Amino acid sequence: MKKFKFQLETLLKVTKRKKDDAEMKFAEASRYLEECRAQLQVLMRELQEVQEEFAAMTGEGKKITIGKIMIYNQFFNWKRQQIEQQQQVILKATQDKQQKLKTLMQIMTYLKSIEQLKEKRLNEYNAQILFEEQKTLDEIGLQLHIRNK
């Protein structure tokens, strides 16, 4: 029983350590995803600001050269490409976060089953101790009863 208890305790400690590691990886993935989303917001804000600047330059009655239009067009295309790339990064980061959450949930389920097994074994052990104790008390009572006759 002691060997089994030791193995169960060791398994429980190792699984708790794995759970802690999985929680840390999940937190890192969550943090990275939020950073990626913040970067996307920065890119979109930059695009919007330059679009507003361009709109002000090309407003009614204002003249602009073809060269400036081409420069702005290249900038808009480049910024849109950056936004698309960032959206892909966010998609991958979301998938990674979901995978880490799935791993964490599996480890937590496994940990819970080990804890339940430990509780069951402890209850069985306590019941066995009570049974042995009751058996000893019954024998003592029987011997006292026989002596008193």
N, C-alpha and C. Protein backbone atom coordinates (compact mmCIF):
# COMPACT_ATOMS: atom_id res chain seq x y z
N MET A 1 0.83 -1.20 0.00
CA MET A 1 0.00 0.00 0.00
C MET A 1 0.87 1.26 0.00
N LYS A 2 1.98 1.23 0.78
CA LYS A 2 2.85 2.39 0.85
C LYS A 2 3.51 2.66 -0.50
N LYS A 3 3.90 1.59 -1.20
CA LYS A 3 4.53 1.74 -2.50
C LYS A 3 3.55 2.39 -3.48
N PHE A 4 2.31 1.91 -3.45
CA PHE A 4 1.29 2.48 -4.33
C PHE A 4 1.03 3.94 -3.98
N LYS A 5 0.98 4.25 -2.68
CA LYS A 5 0.75 5.62 -2.24
C LYS A 5 1.89 6.53 -2.70
N PHE A 6 3.14 6.04 -2.59
CA PHE A 6 4.29 6.80 -3.04
C PHE A 6 4.21 7.07 -4.55
N GLN A 7 3.85 6.04 -5.31
CA GLN A 7 3.75 6.20 -6.75
C GLN A 7 2.63 7.19 -7.10
N LEU A 8 1.53 7.11 -6.39
CA LEU A 8 0.41 8.01 -6.63
C LEU A 8 0.80 9.45 -6.29
N GLU A 9 1.50 9.63 -5.18
CA GLU A 9 1.95 10.97 -4.79
C GLU A 9 2.92 11.55 -5.83
N THR A 10 3.83 10.70 -6.31
CA THR A 10 4.79 11.14 -7.32
C THR A 10 4.07 11.52 -8.60
N LEU A 11 3.15 10.69 -9.02
CA LEU A 11 2.37 10.97 -10.23
C LEU A 11 1.59 12.27 -10.07
N LEU A 12 1.04 12.48 -8.89
CA LEU A 12 0.28 13.70 -8.61
C LEU A 12 1.19 14.93 -8.68
N LYS A 13 2.38 14.86 -8.10
CA LYS A 13 3.31 15.99 -8.14
C LYS A 13 3.74 16.30 -9.57
N VAL A 14 4.06 15.25 -10.33
CA VAL A 14 4.49 15.45 -11.72
C VAL A 14 3.36 16.06 -12.55
N THR A 15 2.15 15.59 -12.35
CA THR A 15 1.01 16.11 -13.10
C THR A 15 0.71 17.55 -12.71
N LYS A 16 0.86 17.89 -11.44
CA LYS A 16 0.66 19.29 -11.01
C LYS A 16 1.71 20.19 -11.65
N ARG A 17 2.95 19.69 -11.76
CA ARG A 17 4.00 20.46 -12.41
C ARG A 17 3.68 20.66 -13.89
N LYS A 18 3.18 19.61 -14.53
CA LYS A 18 2.78 19.73 -15.94
C LYS A 18 1.64 20.72 -16.10
N LYS A 19 0.70 20.71 -15.14
CA LYS A 19 -0.42 21.66 -15.18
C LYS A 19 0.09 23.09 -15.05
N ASP A 20 1.02 23.30 -14.13
CA ASP A 20 1.61 24.64 -13.96
C ASP A 20 2.30 25.10 -15.24
N ASP A 21 3.06 24.19 -15.86
CA ASP A 21 3.73 24.53 -17.12
C ASP A 21 2.72 24.86 -18.21
N ALA A 22 1.66 24.07 -18.29
CA ALA A 22 0.62 24.29 -19.31
C ALA A 22 -0.09 25.62 -19.07
N GLU A 23 -0.33 25.96 -17.80
CA GLU A 23 -0.96 27.25 -17.48
C GLU A 23 -0.06 28.40 -17.90
N MET A 24 1.26 28.24 -17.67
CA MET A 24 2.19 29.29 -18.04
C MET A 24 2.24 29.45 -19.57
N LYS A 25 2.26 28.35 -20.29
CA LYS A 25 2.28 28.41 -21.76
C LYS A 25 0.99 29.03 -22.29
N PHE A 26 -0.14 28.70 -21.67
CA PHE A 26 -1.41 29.27 -22.09
C PHE A 26 -1.42 30.78 -21.85
N ALA A 27 -0.89 31.20 -20.70
CA ALA A 27 -0.83 32.62 -20.38
C ALA A 27 0.08 33.36 -21.37
N GLU A 28 1.20 32.74 -21.72
CA GLU A 28 2.10 33.34 -22.70
C GLU A 28 1.42 33.47 -24.06
N ALA A 29 0.70 32.43 -24.46
CA ALA A 29 0.00 32.47 -25.75
C ALA A 29 -1.08 33.55 -25.73
N SER A 30 -1.77 33.70 -24.61
CA SER A 30 -2.80 34.75 -24.48
C SER A 30 -2.17 36.13 -24.57
N ARG A 31 -1.06 36.32 -23.88
CA ARG A 31 -0.36 37.59 -23.90
C ARG A 31 0.12 37.92 -25.32
N TYR A 32 0.69 36.94 -26.00
CA TYR A 32 1.16 37.14 -27.36
C TYR A 32 0.02 37.52 -28.30
N LEU A 33 -1.12 36.83 -28.15
CA LEU A 33 -2.28 37.14 -28.98
C LEU A 33 -2.74 38.58 -28.75
N GLU A 34 -2.77 39.02 -27.50
CA GLU A 34 -3.17 40.40 -27.21
C GLU A 34 -2.18 41.41 -27.80
N GLU A 35 -0.89 41.08 -27.75
CA GLU A 35 0.11 41.95 -28.36
C GLU A 35 -0.09 42.04 -29.87
N CYS A 36 -0.39 40.92 -30.50
CA CYS A 36 -0.64 40.90 -31.94
C CYS A 36 -1.87 41.73 -32.29
N ARG A 37 -2.90 41.62 -31.49
CA ARG A 37 -4.11 42.42 -31.73
C ARG A 37 -3.83 43.91 -31.55
N ALA A 38 -3.02 44.23 -30.56
CA ALA A 38 -2.66 45.63 -30.35
C ALA A 38 -1.86 46.16 -31.54
N GLN A 39 -0.96 45.34 -32.06
CA GLN A 39 -0.17 45.74 -33.22
C GLN A 39 -1.07 45.96 -34.44
N LEU A 40 -2.08 45.12 -34.60
CA LEU A 40 -3.03 45.29 -35.70
C LEU A 40 -3.77 46.62 -35.56
N GLN A 41 -4.16 46.96 -34.35
CA GLN A 41 -4.84 48.23 -34.12
C GLN A 41 -3.94 49.41 -34.48
N VAL A 42 -2.65 49.29 -34.17
CA VAL A 42 -1.70 50.35 -34.52
C VAL A 42 -1.62 50.50 -36.04
N LEU A 43 -1.50 49.38 -36.73
CA LEU A 43 -1.43 49.42 -38.19
C LEU A 43 -2.69 50.02 -38.80
N MET A 44 -3.83 49.65 -38.29
CA MET A 44 -5.09 50.17 -38.83
C MET A 44 -5.23 51.66 -38.54
N ARG A 45 -4.79 52.08 -37.35
CA ARG A 45 -4.84 53.49 -37.01
C ARG A 45 -3.91 54.30 -37.92
N GLU A 46 -2.72 53.77 -38.19
CA GLU A 46 -1.79 54.44 -39.09
C GLU A 46 -2.40 54.59 -40.49
N LEU A 47 -3.03 53.52 -40.97
CA LEU A 47 -3.66 53.57 -42.29
C LEU A 47 -4.76 54.62 -42.32
N GLN A 48 -5.57 54.63 -41.28
CA GLN A 48 -6.67 55.59 -41.22
C GLN A 48 -6.16 57.03 -41.18
N GLU A 49 -5.12 57.27 -40.40
CA GLU A 49 -4.56 58.63 -40.32
C GLU A 49 -4.05 59.11 -41.67
N VAL A 50 -3.35 58.24 -42.39
CA VAL A 50 -2.81 58.63 -43.69
C VAL A 50 -3.94 58.78 -44.71
N GLN A 51 -4.98 57.94 -44.59
CA GLN A 51 -6.13 58.09 -45.49
C GLN A 51 -6.80 59.45 -45.26
N GLU A 52 -6.92 59.84 -43.99
CA GLU A 52 -7.51 61.15 -43.69
C GLU A 52 -6.61 62.28 -44.22
N GLU A 53 -5.32 62.12 -44.08
CA GLU A 53 -4.37 63.11 -44.60
C GLU A 53 -4.51 63.21 -46.12
N PHE A 54 -4.61 62.05 -46.78
CA PHE A 54 -4.76 62.03 -48.23
C PHE A 54 -6.08 62.67 -48.65
N ALA A 55 -7.13 62.38 -47.92
CA ALA A 55 -8.44 62.96 -48.23
C ALA A 55 -8.39 64.48 -48.10
N ALA A 56 -7.68 64.97 -47.09
CA ALA A 56 -7.55 66.42 -46.90
C ALA A 56 -6.76 67.05 -48.05
N MET A 57 -5.76 66.33 -48.55
CA MET A 57 -4.94 66.85 -49.65
C MET A 57 -5.71 66.86 -50.98
N THR A 58 -6.62 65.92 -51.11
CA THR A 58 -7.34 65.79 -52.38
C THR A 58 -8.75 66.34 -52.29
N GLY A 59 -9.01 67.11 -51.28
CA GLY A 59 -10.35 67.66 -51.09
C GLY A 59 -10.76 68.55 -52.26
N GLU A 60 -11.98 68.96 -52.21
CA GLU A 60 -12.57 69.76 -53.29
C GLU A 60 -11.77 71.04 -53.51
N GLY A 61 -11.39 71.24 -54.74
CA GLY A 61 -10.68 72.45 -55.13
C GLY A 61 -9.18 72.40 -54.89
N LYS A 62 -8.65 71.29 -54.43
CA LYS A 62 -7.21 71.18 -54.17
C LYS A 62 -6.56 70.38 -55.29
N LYS A 63 -5.32 70.71 -55.57
CA LYS A 63 -4.59 70.03 -56.63
C LYS A 63 -3.49 69.18 -56.01
N ILE A 64 -3.27 68.02 -56.63
CA ILE A 64 -2.23 67.10 -56.17
C ILE A 64 -1.56 66.49 -57.39
N THR A 65 -0.29 66.23 -57.28
CA THR A 65 0.43 65.69 -58.43
C THR A 65 0.26 64.18 -58.51
N ILE A 66 0.50 63.65 -59.71
CA ILE A 66 0.42 62.20 -59.93
C ILE A 66 1.47 61.49 -59.08
N GLY A 67 2.62 62.08 -58.94
CA GLY A 67 3.69 61.49 -58.13
C GLY A 67 3.25 61.27 -56.69
N LYS A 68 2.60 62.28 -56.11
CA LYS A 68 2.11 62.14 -54.73
C LYS A 68 1.02 61.07 -54.64
N ILE A 69 0.16 61.04 -55.64
CA ILE A 69 -0.91 60.02 -55.65
C ILE A 69 -0.28 58.63 -55.69
N MET A 70 0.74 58.47 -56.53
CA MET A 70 1.40 57.16 -56.63
C MET A 70 2.09 56.79 -55.32
N ILE A 71 2.72 57.76 -54.67
CA ILE A 71 3.38 57.49 -53.38
C ILE A 71 2.35 57.07 -52.34
N TYR A 72 1.25 57.79 -52.26
CA TYR A 72 0.19 57.42 -51.31
C TYR A 72 -0.39 56.05 -51.64
N ASN A 73 -0.57 55.78 -52.93
CA ASN A 73 -1.12 54.49 -53.35
C ASN A 73 -0.18 53.35 -52.94
N GLN A 74 1.12 53.55 -53.14
CA GLN A 74 2.09 52.54 -52.72
C GLN A 74 2.05 52.35 -51.20
N PHE A 75 1.94 53.44 -50.48
CA PHE A 75 1.86 53.36 -49.02
C PHE A 75 0.61 52.59 -48.59
N PHE A 76 -0.53 52.91 -49.20
CA PHE A 76 -1.78 52.22 -48.85
C PHE A 76 -1.67 50.72 -49.12
N ASN A 77 -1.10 50.37 -50.28
CA ASN A 77 -0.93 48.94 -50.60
C ASN A 77 0.00 48.26 -49.60
N TRP A 78 1.10 48.94 -49.26
CA TRP A 78 2.04 48.38 -48.31
C TRP A 78 1.40 48.21 -46.93
N LYS A 79 0.65 49.21 -46.50
CA LYS A 79 0.00 49.15 -45.19
C LYS A 79 -1.07 48.06 -45.16
N ARG A 80 -1.81 47.92 -46.25
CA ARG A 80 -2.83 46.85 -46.32
C ARG A 80 -2.16 45.47 -46.27
N GLN A 81 -1.02 45.36 -46.92
CA GLN A 81 -0.27 44.10 -46.89
C GLN A 81 0.19 43.80 -45.46
N GLN A 82 0.67 44.82 -44.76
CA GLN A 82 1.07 44.64 -43.37
C GLN A 82 -0.12 44.18 -42.52
N ILE A 83 -1.28 44.79 -42.76
CA ILE A 83 -2.49 44.44 -42.00
C ILE A 83 -2.88 43.00 -42.28
N GLU A 84 -2.83 42.57 -43.55
CA GLU A 84 -3.15 41.18 -43.89
C GLU A 84 -2.18 40.21 -43.22
N GLN A 85 -0.90 40.55 -43.24
CA GLN A 85 0.09 39.70 -42.58
C GLN A 85 -0.17 39.62 -41.08
N GLN A 86 -0.52 40.75 -40.49
CA GLN A 86 -0.80 40.76 -39.05
C GLN A 86 -2.05 39.95 -38.73
N GLN A 87 -3.03 39.99 -39.61
CA GLN A 87 -4.23 39.18 -39.41
C GLN A 87 -3.90 37.69 -39.47
N GLN A 88 -2.97 37.31 -40.34
CA GLN A 88 -2.52 35.92 -40.41
C GLN A 88 -1.79 35.52 -39.12
N VAL A 89 -0.98 36.44 -38.62
CA VAL A 89 -0.28 36.18 -37.36
C VAL A 89 -1.29 35.99 -36.23
N ILE A 90 -2.33 36.82 -36.23
CA ILE A 90 -3.37 36.71 -35.20
C ILE A 90 -4.10 35.38 -35.32
N LEU A 91 -4.38 34.97 -36.53
CA LEU A 91 -5.05 33.68 -36.75
C LEU A 91 -4.20 32.54 -36.20
N LYS A 92 -2.91 32.55 -36.50
CA LYS A 92 -2.02 31.50 -35.99
C LYS A 92 -1.90 31.57 -34.47
N ALA A 93 -1.82 32.78 -33.93
CA ALA A 93 -1.73 32.94 -32.47
C ALA A 93 -3.00 32.45 -31.79
N THR A 94 -4.15 32.68 -32.42
CA THR A 94 -5.42 32.19 -31.87
C THR A 94 -5.45 30.67 -31.87
N GLN A 95 -5.00 30.07 -32.96
CA GLN A 95 -4.95 28.61 -33.03
C GLN A 95 -4.01 28.05 -31.98
N ASP A 96 -2.86 28.69 -31.82
CA ASP A 96 -1.89 28.25 -30.81
C ASP A 96 -2.48 28.36 -29.41
N LYS A 97 -3.18 29.45 -29.15
CA LYS A 97 -3.82 29.63 -27.84
C LYS A 97 -4.87 28.55 -27.60
N GLN A 98 -5.66 28.23 -28.62
CA GLN A 98 -6.68 27.19 -28.49
C GLN A 98 -6.03 25.83 -28.22
N GLN A 99 -4.92 25.55 -28.89
CA GLN A 99 -4.22 24.28 -28.68
C GLN A 99 -3.67 24.20 -27.26
N LYS A 100 -3.13 25.29 -26.78
CA LYS A 100 -2.58 25.31 -25.42
C LYS A 100 -3.71 25.17 -24.39
N LEU A 101 -4.86 25.77 -24.67
CA LEU A 101 -6.02 25.61 -23.78
C LEU A 101 -6.48 24.16 -23.77
N LYS A 102 -6.52 23.54 -24.92
CA LYS A 102 -6.93 22.13 -25.01
C LYS A 102 -5.97 21.25 -24.20
N THR A 103 -4.67 21.50 -24.35
CA THR A 103 -3.67 20.74 -23.59
C THR A 103 -3.87 20.95 -22.09
N LEU A 104 -4.08 22.18 -21.70
CA LEU A 104 -4.30 22.50 -20.28
C LEU A 104 -5.53 21.78 -19.75
N MET A 105 -6.60 21.79 -20.51
CA MET A 105 -7.83 21.12 -20.07
C MET A 105 -7.62 19.61 -19.93
N GLN A 106 -6.87 19.01 -20.85
CA GLN A 106 -6.58 17.58 -20.76
C GLN A 106 -5.78 17.26 -19.50
N ILE A 107 -4.77 18.08 -19.23
CA ILE A 107 -3.95 17.86 -18.04
C ILE A 107 -4.78 18.04 -16.77
N MET A 108 -5.65 19.05 -16.76
CA MET A 108 -6.49 19.29 -15.58
C MET A 108 -7.46 18.13 -15.35
N THR A 109 -7.99 17.58 -16.43
CA THR A 109 -8.88 16.41 -16.31
C THR A 109 -8.12 15.22 -15.75
N TYR A 110 -6.91 15.01 -16.27
CA TYR A 110 -6.07 13.91 -15.80
C TYR A 110 -5.72 14.11 -14.32
N LEU A 111 -5.38 15.34 -13.95
CA LEU A 111 -5.05 15.65 -12.56
C LEU A 111 -6.24 15.39 -11.65
N LYS A 112 -7.42 15.78 -12.10
CA LYS A 112 -8.62 15.56 -11.30
C LYS A 112 -8.87 14.06 -11.09
N SER A 113 -8.65 13.26 -12.14
CA SER A 113 -8.87 11.82 -12.00
C SER A 113 -7.84 11.22 -11.04
N ILE A 114 -6.60 11.71 -11.06
CA ILE A 114 -5.59 11.22 -10.12
C ILE A 114 -5.97 11.59 -8.69
N GLU A 115 -6.43 12.82 -8.51
CA GLU A 115 -6.85 13.25 -7.17
C GLU A 115 -8.04 12.42 -6.67
N GLN A 116 -8.96 12.10 -7.57
CA GLN A 116 -10.09 11.25 -7.17
C GLN A 116 -9.62 9.85 -6.82
N LEU A 117 -8.67 9.32 -7.59
CA LEU A 117 -8.11 8.01 -7.29
C LEU A 117 -7.40 8.03 -5.94
N LYS A 118 -6.67 9.09 -5.68
CA LYS A 118 -5.98 9.23 -4.39
C LYS A 118 -6.99 9.25 -3.26
N GLU A 119 -8.06 10.01 -3.43
CA GLU A 119 -9.11 10.08 -2.40
C GLU A 119 -9.76 8.71 -2.19
N LYS A 120 -10.01 8.00 -3.28
CA LYS A 120 -10.62 6.67 -3.18
C LYS A 120 -9.70 5.72 -2.43
N ARG A 121 -8.40 5.74 -2.80
CA ARG A 121 -7.43 4.87 -2.12
C ARG A 121 -7.31 5.23 -0.64
N LEU A 122 -7.35 6.51 -0.32
CA LEU A 122 -7.28 6.94 1.07
C LEU A 122 -8.51 6.43 1.84
N ASN A 123 -9.67 6.54 1.24
CA ASN A 123 -10.89 6.03 1.88
C ASN A 123 -10.82 4.52 2.08
N GLU A 124 -10.30 3.81 1.07
CA GLU A 124 -10.15 2.35 1.20
C GLU A 124 -9.17 2.02 2.31
N TYR A 125 -8.08 2.77 2.38
CA TYR A 125 -7.07 2.55 3.41
C TYR A 125 -7.67 2.81 4.79
N ASN A 126 -8.40 3.92 4.94
CA ASN A 126 -9.04 4.22 6.22
C ASN A 126 -10.06 3.15 6.60
N ALA A 127 -10.81 2.67 5.63
CA ALA A 127 -11.78 1.60 5.91
C ALA A 127 -11.06 0.33 6.35
N GLN A 128 -9.93 0.02 5.71
CA GLN A 128 -9.15 -1.17 6.09
C GLN A 128 -8.61 -1.02 7.50
N ILE A 129 -8.12 0.16 7.84
CA ILE A 129 -7.60 0.43 9.20
C ILE A 129 -8.72 0.27 10.22
N LEU A 130 -9.89 0.84 9.92
CA LEU A 130 -11.02 0.70 10.83
C LEU A 130 -11.43 -0.76 10.99
N PHE A 131 -11.41 -1.49 9.89
CA PHE A 131 -11.76 -2.92 9.93
C PHE A 131 -10.78 -3.68 10.81
N GLU A 132 -9.47 -3.43 10.62
CA GLU A 132 -8.45 -4.10 11.43
C GLU A 132 -8.58 -3.71 12.90
N GLU A 133 -8.86 -2.44 13.14
CA GLU A 133 -9.03 -1.96 14.51
C GLU A 133 -10.25 -2.62 15.16
N GLN A 134 -11.34 -2.71 14.42
CA GLN A 134 -12.55 -3.34 14.94
C GLN A 134 -12.31 -4.83 15.19
N LYS A 135 -11.57 -5.46 14.31
CA LYS A 135 -11.25 -6.89 14.47
C LYS A 135 -10.43 -7.10 15.74
N THR A 136 -9.45 -6.21 15.96
CA THR A 136 -8.63 -6.30 17.17
C THR A 136 -9.49 -6.08 18.42
N LEU A 137 -10.37 -5.08 18.38
CA LEU A 137 -11.25 -4.82 19.53
C LEU A 137 -12.19 -6.00 19.80
N ASP A 138 -12.69 -6.62 18.71
CA ASP A 138 -13.55 -7.79 18.87
C ASP A 138 -12.80 -8.95 19.52
N GLU A 139 -11.55 -9.14 19.12
CA GLU A 139 -10.75 -10.22 19.72
C GLU A 139 -10.49 -9.95 21.20
N ILE A 140 -10.17 -8.70 21.50
CA ILE A 140 -9.94 -8.33 22.90
C ILE A 140 -11.23 -8.54 23.70
N GLY A 141 -12.35 -8.10 23.13
CA GLY A 141 -13.64 -8.29 23.82
C GLY A 141 -13.97 -9.75 24.01
N LEU A 142 -13.69 -10.57 23.01
CA LEU A 142 -13.96 -12.01 23.11
C LEU A 142 -13.07 -12.64 24.22
N GLN A 143 -11.81 -12.26 24.24
CA GLN A 143 -10.90 -12.82 25.28
C GLN A 143 -11.34 -12.38 26.65
N LEU A 144 -11.77 -11.12 26.80
CA LEU A 144 -12.26 -10.65 28.11
C LEU A 144 -13.53 -11.40 28.51
N HIS A 145 -14.38 -11.65 27.54
CA HIS A 145 -15.64 -12.35 27.82
C HIS A 145 -15.34 -13.80 28.26
N ILE A 146 -14.39 -14.43 27.58
CA ILE A 146 -14.04 -15.82 27.92
C ILE A 146 -13.39 -15.87 29.30
N ARG A 147 -12.57 -14.92 29.65
CA ARG A 147 -11.90 -14.88 30.96
C ARG A 147 -12.91 -14.65 32.09
N ASN A 148 -13.93 -13.88 31.83
CA ASN A 148 -14.90 -13.56 32.87
C ASN A 148 -15.87 -14.71 33.11
N LYS A 149 -15.91 -15.71 32.31
CA LYS A 149 -16.85 -16.84 32.52
C LYS A 149 -16.36 -17.76 33.53
